[in-house]
Amino acid sequence: MIKGLSKEEVSIRNDLVLALPERIKAIPDGSPAGAKETAKWAASTSQIKFDSSDTNFDDGLFQESEESSQFRQEYEMRRLKQVVQDQGLDFISEGLDTLKDLASDMNEELDRQVPLIDEIDTKVDKATSDLKRTNVRLKESLTQIRSSQNFCIDIILLCVILGIASYLYNCIEVK
């Protein structure tokens, strides 16, 4: 008995272990003929024998079969696909490194320009307040010039303009 496990749990684990080869065989290997070949694998696994008593291997024992050549071809195809994927990932990695460098440069440039922008903002605020003060002073000056004392002069000038306009009108109408 295993420490900390009941007899039921041990028997359940043993059943799971016994069912594991069937579950492994049921998993497709990714090839289009994967489901059909599982039966072949089951038949061929029972025929595999290892002879470790003799260290000299005969060439006849290790001849390439059709199954092994198909496996080798599939292995090479997948390895080539993996190489292509690795190259693509390397390309993406280089692009990300470039983007990281660009972002770092942009951050440094922003850090340099923040004080300049703050200085410009301060100067614009000062110019705005100076402009408001100048507008107030200009308005006060205009109201002082156009006071009620100048009202009589405005009426006299208006009469002179009307007189000149009537003289010109009469001159034009006579001709």
C-alpha atoms as a PDB file:
ATOM      1  CA  MET A   1       0.000   0.000   0.000  1.00  0.00           C
ATOM      2  CA  ILE A   2       1.218   3.502  -0.845  1.00  0.00           C
ATOM      3  CA  LYS A   3       1.439   5.867   2.069  1.00  0.00           C
ATOM      4  CA  GLY A   4      -1.473   8.360   2.108  1.00  0.00           C
ATOM      5  CA  LEU A   5      -3.589   6.509  -0.479  1.00  0.00           C
ATOM      6  CA  SER A   6      -6.442   4.157   0.131  1.00  0.00           C
ATOM      7  CA  LYS A   7      -6.780   0.801  -1.633  1.00  0.00           C
ATOM      8  CA  GLU A   8      -9.522   2.224  -3.862  1.00  0.00           C
ATOM      9  CA  GLU A   9      -7.307   5.109  -5.026  1.00  0.00           C
ATOM     10  CA  VAL A  10      -4.445   2.697  -5.760  1.00  0.00           C
ATOM     11  CA  SER A  11      -6.742   0.450  -7.820  1.00  0.00           C
ATOM     12  CA  ILE A  12      -8.100   3.485  -9.704  1.00  0.00           C
ATOM     13  CA  ARG A  13      -4.539   4.568 -10.504  1.00  0.00           C
ATOM     14  CA  ASN A  14      -3.645   1.072 -11.685  1.00  0.00           C
ATOM     15  CA  ASP A  15      -6.688   1.075 -13.976  1.00  0.00           C
ATOM     16  CA  LEU A  16      -5.643   4.460 -15.358  1.00  0.00           C
ATOM     17  CA  VAL A  17      -2.125   3.178 -15.999  1.00  0.00           C
ATOM     18  CA  LEU A  18      -3.485   0.113 -17.813  1.00  0.00           C
ATOM     19  CA  ALA A  19      -5.782   2.311 -19.954  1.00  0.00           C
ATOM     20  CA  LEU A  20      -2.949   4.718 -20.826  1.00  0.00           C
ATOM     21  CA  PRO A  21      -1.528   2.778 -23.843  1.00  0.00           C
ATOM     22  CA  GLU A  22      -4.979   2.716 -25.461  1.00  0.00           C
ATOM     23  CA  ARG A  23      -5.404   6.460 -24.894  1.00  0.00           C
ATOM     24  CA  ILE A  24      -1.951   7.126 -26.351  1.00  0.00           C
ATOM     25  CA  LYS A  25      -2.739   5.037 -29.444  1.00  0.00           C
ATOM     26  CA  ALA A  26      -6.014   6.935 -29.901  1.00  0.00           C
ATOM     27  CA  ILE A  27      -4.191  10.284 -30.181  1.00  0.00           C
ATOM     28  CA  PRO A  28      -3.729  11.243 -33.869  1.00  0.00           C
ATOM     29  CA  ASP A  29      -0.131  11.934 -34.870  1.00  0.00           C
ATOM     30  CA  GLY A  30      -1.025  14.781 -37.234  1.00  0.00           C
ATOM     31  CA  SER A  31      -0.544  12.940 -40.513  1.00  0.00           C
ATOM     32  CA  PRO A  32      -3.537  12.417 -42.800  1.00  0.00           C
ATOM     33  CA  ALA A  33      -3.193   8.647 -42.522  1.00  0.00           C
ATOM     34  CA  GLY A  34      -2.552   8.778 -38.757  1.00  0.00           C
ATOM     35  CA  ALA A  35      -5.733   7.020 -37.720  1.00  0.00           C
ATOM     36  CA  LYS A  36      -5.174   4.205 -40.206  1.00  0.00           C
ATOM     37  CA  GLU A  37      -1.570   3.683 -39.177  1.00  0.00           C
ATOM     38  CA  THR A  38      -2.321   3.236 -35.467  1.00  0.00           C
ATOM     39  CA  ALA A  39      -3.292  -0.345 -36.198  1.00  0.00           C
ATOM     40  CA  LYS A  40      -0.007  -0.861 -38.080  1.00  0.00           C
ATOM     41  CA  TRP A  41       1.936   0.563 -35.161  1.00  0.00           C
ATOM     42  CA  ALA A  42       0.177  -1.743 -32.769  1.00  0.00           C
ATOM     43  CA  ALA A  43       1.126  -4.695 -34.948  1.00  0.00           C
ATOM     44  CA  SER A  44       4.720  -3.550 -35.422  1.00  0.00           C
ATOM     45  CA  THR A  45       5.335  -2.746 -31.734  1.00  0.00           C
ATOM     46  CA  SER A  46       4.751  -6.366 -30.821  1.00  0.00           C
ATOM     47  CA  GLN A  47       7.413  -7.408 -33.377  1.00  0.00           C
ATOM     48  CA  ILE A  48      10.157  -5.053 -32.131  1.00  0.00           C
ATOM     49  CA  LYS A  49      12.954  -6.943 -30.434  1.00  0.00           C
ATOM     50  CA  PHE A  50      16.198  -5.586 -29.047  1.00  0.00           C
ATOM     51  CA  ASP A  51      19.266  -7.759 -29.064  1.00  0.00           C
ATOM     52  CA  SER A  52      21.911  -6.131 -26.914  1.00  0.00           C
ATOM     53  CA  SER A  53      24.063  -9.233 -26.525  1.00  0.00           C
ATOM     54  CA  ASP A  54      25.994  -8.610 -29.739  1.00  0.00           C
ATOM     55  CA  THR A  55      27.654  -5.210 -30.192  1.00  0.00           C
ATOM     56  CA  ASN A  56      28.329  -5.790 -33.905  1.00  0.00           C
ATOM     57  CA  PHE A  57      25.186  -4.806 -35.749  1.00  0.00           C
ATOM     58  CA  ASP A  58      24.447  -6.511 -39.024  1.00  0.00           C
ATOM     59  CA  ASP A  59      23.346  -4.284 -41.895  1.00  0.00           C
ATOM     60  CA  GLY A  60      20.553  -6.735 -42.524  1.00  0.00           C
ATOM     61  CA  LEU A  61      18.996  -5.944 -39.152  1.00  0.00           C
ATOM     62  CA  PHE A  62      18.749  -2.227 -39.862  1.00  0.00           C
ATOM     63  CA  GLN A  63      17.354  -2.088 -43.352  1.00  0.00           C
ATOM     64  CA  GLU A  64      15.025   0.794 -44.090  1.00  0.00           C
ATOM     65  CA  SER A  65      11.404  -0.233 -44.444  1.00  0.00           C
ATOM     66  CA  GLU A  66       8.582   1.656 -46.132  1.00  0.00           C
ATOM     67  CA  GLU A  67       7.214   2.749 -42.754  1.00  0.00           C
ATOM     68  CA  SER A  68      10.583   4.047 -41.623  1.00  0.00           C
ATOM     69  CA  SER A  69      11.145   5.943 -44.887  1.00  0.00           C
ATOM     70  CA  GLN A  70       7.682   7.547 -44.569  1.00  0.00           C
ATOM     71  CA  PHE A  71       8.470   8.440 -40.982  1.00  0.00           C
ATOM     72  CA  ARG A  72      11.823   9.903 -42.019  1.00  0.00           C
ATOM     73  CA  GLN A  73      10.171  11.961 -44.789  1.00  0.00           C
ATOM     74  CA  GLU A  74       7.511  13.253 -42.405  1.00  0.00           C
ATOM     75  CA  TYR A  75      10.189  14.040 -39.835  1.00  0.00           C
ATOM     76  CA  GLU A  76      12.228  15.992 -42.409  1.00  0.00           C
ATOM     77  CA  MET A  77       9.127  17.892 -43.585  1.00  0.00           C
ATOM     78  CA  ARG A  78       8.240  18.874 -40.048  1.00  0.00           C
ATOM     79  CA  ARG A  79      11.849  19.830 -39.323  1.00  0.00           C
ATOM     80  CA  LEU A  80      11.887  22.074 -42.428  1.00  0.00           C
ATOM     81  CA  LYS A  81       8.592  23.657 -41.355  1.00  0.00           C
ATOM     82  CA  GLN A  82      10.075  24.278 -37.932  1.00  0.00           C
ATOM     83  CA  VAL A  83      13.158  25.895 -39.499  1.00  0.00           C
ATOM     84  CA  VAL A  84      10.903  28.191 -41.554  1.00  0.00           C
ATOM     85  CA  GLN A  85       8.874  29.039 -38.431  1.00  0.00           C
ATOM     86  CA  ASP A  86      12.086  29.722 -36.501  1.00  0.00           C
ATOM     87  CA  GLN A  87      13.251  32.064 -39.258  1.00  0.00           C
ATOM     88  CA  GLY A  88       9.905  33.856 -39.176  1.00  0.00           C
ATOM     89  CA  LEU A  89      10.096  34.174 -35.403  1.00  0.00           C
ATOM     90  CA  ASP A  90      13.665  35.510 -35.686  1.00  0.00           C
ATOM     91  CA  PHE A  91      12.428  38.093 -38.196  1.00  0.00           C
ATOM     92  CA  ILE A  92       9.590  39.088 -35.857  1.00  0.00           C
ATOM     93  CA  SER A  93      12.047  39.269 -32.966  1.00  0.00           C
ATOM     94  CA  GLU A  94      14.319  41.602 -34.936  1.00  0.00           C
ATOM     95  CA  GLY A  95      11.308  43.785 -35.783  1.00  0.00           C
ATOM     96  CA  LEU A  96      10.292  43.921 -32.138  1.00  0.00           C
ATOM     97  CA  ASP A  97      13.838  44.873 -31.140  1.00  0.00           C
ATOM     98  CA  THR A  98      13.744  47.699 -33.695  1.00  0.00           C
ATOM     99  CA  LEU A  99      10.366  48.870 -32.359  1.00  0.00           C
ATOM    100  CA  LYS A 100      11.730  48.753 -28.816  1.00  0.00           C
ATOM    101  CA  ASP A 101      14.711  50.891 -29.833  1.00  0.00           C
ATOM    102  CA  LEU A 102      12.417  53.365 -31.610  1.00  0.00           C
ATOM    103  CA  ALA A 103      10.146  53.602 -28.573  1.00  0.00           C
ATOM    104  CA  SER A 104      13.152  54.175 -26.331  1.00  0.00           C
ATOM    105  CA  ASP A 105      14.446  56.940 -28.633  1.00  0.00           C
ATOM    106  CA  MET A 106      11.000  58.557 -28.731  1.00  0.00           C
ATOM    107  CA  ASN A 107      10.818  58.458 -24.930  1.00  0.00           C
ATOM    108  CA  GLU A 108      14.227  60.144 -24.643  1.00  0.00           C
ATOM    109  CA  GLU A 109      13.179  62.832 -27.141  1.00  0.00           C
ATOM    110  CA  LEU A 110       9.964  63.470 -25.219  1.00  0.00           C
ATOM    111  CA  ASP A 111      11.944  63.762 -21.988  1.00  0.00           C
ATOM    112  CA  ARG A 112      14.127  66.423 -23.677  1.00  0.00           C
ATOM    113  CA  GLN A 113      11.169  68.342 -25.105  1.00  0.00           C
ATOM    114  CA  VAL A 114       8.964  68.445 -21.994  1.00  0.00           C
ATOM    115  CA  PRO A 115      10.950  71.337 -20.413  1.00  0.00           C
ATOM    116  CA  LEU A 116      10.832  73.255 -23.710  1.00  0.00           C
ATOM    117  CA  ILE A 117       7.064  72.816 -23.953  1.00  0.00           C
ATOM    118  CA  ASP A 118       6.675  73.952 -20.347  1.00  0.00           C
ATOM    119  CA  GLU A 119       8.744  77.066 -21.086  1.00  0.00           C
ATOM    120  CA  ILE A 120       6.670  77.844 -24.193  1.00  0.00           C
ATOM    121  CA  ASP A 121       3.469  77.365 -22.184  1.00  0.00           C
ATOM    122  CA  THR A 122       4.702  79.813 -19.542  1.00  0.00           C
ATOM    123  CA  LYS A 123       5.619  82.399 -22.194  1.00  0.00           C
ATOM    124  CA  VAL A 124       2.236  82.048 -23.924  1.00  0.00           C
ATOM    125  CA  ASP A 125       0.440  82.554 -20.603  1.00  0.00           C
ATOM    126  CA  LYS A 126       2.519  85.695 -19.956  1.00  0.00           C
ATOM    127  CA  ALA A 127       1.837  87.044 -23.462  1.00  0.00           C
ATOM    128  CA  THR A 128      -1.902  86.390 -23.039  1.00  0.00           C
ATOM    129  CA  SER A 129      -2.039  88.300 -19.758  1.00  0.00           C
ATOM    130  CA  ASP A 130       0.004  91.178 -21.282  1.00  0.00           C
ATOM    131  CA  LEU A 131      -2.407  91.320 -24.231  1.00  0.00           C
ATOM    132  CA  LYS A 132      -5.427  91.463 -21.906  1.00  0.00           C
ATOM    133  CA  ARG A 133      -3.860  94.301 -19.901  1.00  0.00           C
ATOM    134  CA  THR A 134      -3.071  96.205 -23.125  1.00  0.00           C
ATOM    135  CA  ASN A 135      -6.661  95.762 -24.357  1.00  0.00           C
ATOM    136  CA  VAL A 136      -8.019  97.125 -21.071  1.00  0.00           C
ATOM    137  CA  ARG A 137      -5.701 100.152 -21.246  1.00  0.00           C
ATOM    138  CA  LEU A 138      -6.632 100.778 -24.914  1.00  0.00           C
ATOM    139  CA  LYS A 139     -10.344 100.652 -24.092  1.00  0.00           C
ATOM    140  CA  GLU A 140      -9.841 103.122 -21.242  1.00  0.00           C
ATOM    141  CA  SER A 141      -7.917 105.466 -23.574  1.00  0.00           C
ATOM    142  CA  LEU A 142     -10.656 105.360 -26.201  1.00  0.00           C
ATOM    143  CA  THR A 143     -13.384 106.148 -23.686  1.00  0.00           C
ATOM    144  CA  GLN A 144     -11.384 109.129 -22.416  1.00  0.00           C
ATOM    145  CA  ILE A 145     -10.890 110.517 -25.941  1.00  0.00           C
ATOM    146  CA  ARG A 146     -14.532 110.063 -26.917  1.00  0.00           C
ATOM    147  CA  SER A 147     -15.942 111.797 -23.874  1.00  0.00           C
ATOM    148  CA  SER A 148     -18.917 114.200 -23.824  1.00  0.00           C
ATOM    149  CA  GLN A 149     -16.683 117.245 -24.448  1.00  0.00           C
ATOM    150  CA  ASN A 150     -16.080 116.087 -27.986  1.00  0.00           C
ATOM    151  CA  PHE A 151     -19.783 115.660 -28.674  1.00  0.00           C
ATOM    152  CA  CYS A 152     -20.156 119.261 -29.948  1.00  0.00           C
ATOM    153  CA  ILE A 153     -17.214 118.870 -32.316  1.00  0.00           C
ATOM    154  CA  ASP A 154     -18.778 115.689 -33.716  1.00  0.00           C
ATOM    155  CA  ILE A 155     -22.073 117.516 -34.471  1.00  0.00           C
ATOM    156  CA  ILE A 156     -20.267 120.398 -36.194  1.00  0.00           C
ATOM    157  CA  LEU A 157     -18.243 117.980 -38.333  1.00  0.00           C
ATOM    158  CA  LEU A 158     -21.423 116.112 -39.226  1.00  0.00           C
ATOM    159  CA  CYS A 159     -23.085 119.347 -40.377  1.00  0.00           C
ATOM    160  CA  VAL A 160     -20.052 120.229 -42.522  1.00  0.00           C
ATOM    161  CA  ILE A 161     -20.128 116.787 -44.159  1.00  0.00           C
ATOM    162  CA  LEU A 162     -23.869 117.117 -44.884  1.00  0.00           C
ATOM    163  CA  GLY A 163     -23.296 120.574 -46.403  1.00  0.00           C
ATOM    164  CA  ILE A 164     -20.586 119.284 -48.715  1.00  0.00           C
ATOM    165  CA  ALA A 165     -22.775 116.343 -49.714  1.00  0.00           C
ATOM    166  CA  SER A 166     -25.729 118.628 -50.563  1.00  0.00           C
ATOM    167  CA  TYR A 167     -23.481 120.990 -52.596  1.00  0.00           C
ATOM    168  CA  LEU A 168     -22.151 118.047 -54.603  1.00  0.00           C
ATOM    169  CA  TYR A 169     -25.672 116.731 -55.130  1.00  0.00           C
ATOM    170  CA  ASN A 170     -26.859 120.109 -56.470  1.00  0.00           C
ATOM    171  CA  CYS A 171     -23.840 120.357 -58.786  1.00  0.00           C
ATOM    172  CA  ILE A 172     -24.500 116.982 -60.274  1.00  0.00           C
ATOM    173  CA  GLU A 173     -28.241 117.559 -60.678  1.00  0.00           C
ATOM    174  CA  VAL A 174     -27.835 120.878 -62.509  1.00  0.00           C
ATOM    175  CA  LYS A 175     -25.731 119.399 -65.253  1.00  0.00           C
END
